[in-house]
Amino acid sequence: MSGLTLHLANEDAMLSFGSRIAQVTEGLGVIFLEGDLGAGKTTLSRGIIRGFGHVGAVKSPTFTLVEPYEVDKIRVYHFDLYRLIDPEELEYMGIRDYFDGGALCLIEWPQKGAGFLPKPDLTITIAPHMDGRSLTLSPEGLRGKSWCAALALEYSNK
């Protein structure tokens, strides 16, 4: 399975798709979220985090860089690197500890952390499309390919 491109009509569809991503990842892996300001990266992250059963607020960690979520045995770390000035700052915050393999890491603006982030399992690029959004899923490695294959079964005809 290579990549997958799909079109989502609105915010509800984005949240629903995020919930589906939560199911296929089972709470493990690294997902890069790319797109311009306002593209929907945080909305998709909210859908993923709520897909694990989180009921509180899910805000963009623009100023804190990372927001942790724990639901039952699932750990999700939501990163927003938009305001990162130097990727070396990630080293000072112990970035490697977040990627121990026992959590799902969602990373907005991953290019800002180049050289300090692990290779993603999946990169999702979000762009405006008519009134909704176009999402291009690009898997890297077996985990990402299996996620795309599972999602393609459900979404390729929509």
Protein backbone atom coordinates (compact mmCIF):
# COMPACT_ATOMS: atom_id res chain seq x y z
CA MET A 1 0.00 0.00 0.00
CA SER A 2 1.41 3.34 -0.98
CA GLY A 3 -0.28 6.60 -0.11
CA LEU A 4 -3.91 7.52 0.19
CA THR A 5 -5.66 10.79 -0.67
CA LEU A 6 -9.12 11.59 0.54
CA HIS A 7 -11.44 14.56 0.79
CA LEU A 8 -13.30 15.43 3.95
CA ALA A 9 -16.29 17.74 3.69
CA ASN A 10 -16.18 19.53 7.05
CA GLU A 11 -14.89 19.65 10.62
CA ASP A 12 -17.17 16.80 11.74
CA ALA A 13 -15.73 14.59 9.00
CA MET A 14 -12.20 15.54 10.11
CA LEU A 15 -12.99 14.65 13.73
CA SER A 16 -14.57 11.36 12.66
CA PHE A 17 -11.57 10.48 10.49
CA GLY A 18 -9.29 11.29 13.43
CA SER A 19 -11.23 8.86 15.58
CA ARG A 20 -10.72 6.19 12.92
CA ILE A 21 -6.97 6.91 12.88
CA ALA A 22 -6.95 6.37 16.65
CA GLN A 23 -8.46 2.92 16.14
CA VAL A 24 -6.00 1.81 13.47
CA THR A 25 -2.91 3.07 15.34
CA GLU A 26 -3.96 1.42 18.60
CA GLY A 27 -2.11 4.25 20.36
CA LEU A 28 1.38 3.55 19.06
CA GLY A 29 3.54 5.31 16.51
CA VAL A 30 4.60 8.66 15.10
CA ILE A 31 2.42 10.80 12.83
CA PHE A 32 3.63 14.02 11.21
CA LEU A 33 0.89 16.56 10.45
CA GLU A 34 1.71 19.05 7.72
CA GLY A 35 -0.24 21.95 6.26
CA ASP A 36 -0.54 25.71 6.36
CA LEU A 37 -1.88 27.67 9.33
CA GLY A 38 -5.57 26.87 9.71
CA ALA A 39 -5.40 23.73 7.57
CA GLY A 40 -6.89 21.51 10.28
CA LYS A 41 -3.89 19.84 11.93
CA THR A 42 -5.17 20.53 15.45
CA THR A 43 -8.72 19.53 14.48
CA LEU A 44 -7.44 16.19 13.21
CA SER A 45 -5.35 15.78 16.37
CA ARG A 46 -8.45 16.51 18.46
CA GLY A 47 -10.33 13.77 16.58
CA ILE A 48 -7.51 11.30 17.17
CA ILE A 49 -7.21 12.09 20.89
CA ARG A 50 -10.97 11.98 21.40
CA GLY A 51 -11.00 8.71 19.45
CA PHE A 52 -9.23 7.15 22.43
CA GLY A 53 -11.98 8.36 24.75
CA HIS A 54 -10.55 11.68 25.97
CA VAL A 55 -13.45 13.96 26.91
CA GLY A 56 -11.73 17.19 27.95
CA ALA A 57 -10.37 20.02 25.88
CA VAL A 58 -7.76 19.38 23.21
CA LYS A 59 -5.92 22.59 22.51
CA SER A 60 -2.98 23.35 20.30
CA PRO A 61 0.24 23.16 22.32
CA THR A 62 1.67 26.14 20.43
CA PHE A 63 3.27 27.70 23.50
CA THR A 64 4.03 24.57 25.54
CA LEU A 65 5.35 22.58 22.51
CA VAL A 66 3.82 19.36 23.84
CA GLU A 67 0.56 18.41 25.52
CA PRO A 68 0.32 14.92 27.05
CA TYR A 69 -2.91 12.91 27.16
CA GLU A 70 -3.51 9.66 28.98
CA VAL A 71 -6.63 7.58 28.48
CA ASP A 72 -6.61 4.19 30.20
CA LYS A 73 -3.34 2.63 29.01
CA ILE A 74 -2.98 4.86 25.93
CA ARG A 75 -0.51 7.74 25.98
CA VAL A 76 -0.66 10.43 23.31
CA TYR A 77 1.78 13.31 22.99
CA HIS A 78 0.55 16.18 20.85
CA PHE A 79 3.39 18.42 19.66
CA ASP A 80 3.11 21.78 17.92
CA LEU A 81 6.54 22.97 16.83
CA TYR A 82 5.35 26.13 15.05
CA ARG A 83 7.04 28.49 17.51
CA LEU A 84 10.23 26.46 17.81
CA ILE A 85 13.17 28.71 16.98
CA ASP A 86 16.00 26.17 17.00
CA PRO A 87 15.41 22.41 16.67
CA GLU A 88 18.16 21.87 19.24
CA GLU A 89 15.65 23.13 21.86
CA LEU A 90 13.98 19.74 21.48
CA GLU A 91 17.07 18.08 22.88
CA TYR A 92 16.83 20.24 26.03
CA MET A 93 13.24 19.21 26.62
CA GLY A 94 14.16 15.51 26.44
CA ILE A 95 12.43 14.88 23.11
CA ARG A 96 13.81 11.35 22.79
CA ASP A 97 11.94 10.24 25.92
CA TYR A 98 8.62 10.81 24.17
CA PHE A 99 9.49 8.34 21.41
CA ASP A 100 10.10 5.27 23.55
CA GLY A 101 7.65 3.22 21.47
CA GLY A 102 4.89 3.09 24.08
CA ALA A 103 2.90 6.12 22.89
CA LEU A 104 1.37 7.80 19.89
CA CYS A 105 3.14 11.06 18.97
CA LEU A 106 1.29 13.59 16.83
CA ILE A 107 3.63 16.29 15.53
CA GLU A 108 2.41 19.50 13.92
CA TRP A 109 5.06 21.46 11.95
CA PRO A 110 7.57 18.55 11.99
CA GLN A 111 9.94 20.34 9.59
CA LYS A 112 10.80 22.71 12.47
CA GLY A 113 12.29 19.73 14.36
CA ALA A 114 14.31 18.31 11.48
CA GLY A 115 17.30 16.31 12.65
CA PHE A 116 15.84 15.74 16.13
CA LEU A 117 12.67 13.79 15.33
CA PRO A 118 12.44 10.11 14.45
CA LYS A 119 11.18 8.98 11.07
CA PRO A 120 7.36 9.04 11.08
CA ASP A 121 5.19 6.01 10.50
CA LEU A 122 2.82 8.28 8.60
CA THR A 123 2.82 11.84 7.27
CA ILE A 124 -0.57 13.48 6.76
CA THR A 125 -0.60 16.59 4.60
CA ILE A 126 -3.75 18.69 4.89
CA ALA A 127 -4.82 21.29 2.34
CA PRO A 128 -8.03 23.19 1.57
CA HIS A 129 -10.30 21.45 -0.95
CA MET A 130 -13.55 23.16 -1.99
CA ASP A 131 -15.40 23.70 1.32
CA GLY A 132 -13.52 20.94 3.11
CA ARG A 133 -10.03 19.48 3.25
CA SER A 134 -7.87 17.18 1.18
CA LEU A 135 -5.69 14.78 3.18
CA THR A 136 -2.74 12.99 1.66
CA LEU A 137 -1.48 10.11 3.77
CA SER A 138 2.10 9.05 3.04
CA PRO A 139 3.22 5.95 4.94
CA GLU A 140 6.80 5.20 5.83
CA GLY A 141 7.52 1.67 6.94
CA LEU A 142 5.31 -1.30 7.63
CA ARG A 143 3.25 0.26 10.42
CA GLY A 144 2.23 3.25 8.30
CA LYS A 145 1.49 1.05 5.31
CA SER A 146 -0.81 -1.19 7.37
CA TRP A 147 -2.64 1.89 8.72
CA CYS A 148 -3.15 3.23 5.18
CA ALA A 149 -4.37 -0.15 3.96
CA ALA A 150 -6.95 -0.32 6.77
CA LEU A 151 -8.11 3.26 6.14
CA ALA A 152 -8.23 2.76 2.37
CA LEU A 153 -10.77 -0.03 2.76
CA GLU A 154 -13.14 2.39 4.42
CA TYR A 155 -12.34 5.75 2.82
CA SER A 156 -11.12 5.19 -0.75
CA ASN A 157 -14.65 5.29 -2.17
CA LYS A 158 -15.76 8.44 -0.33
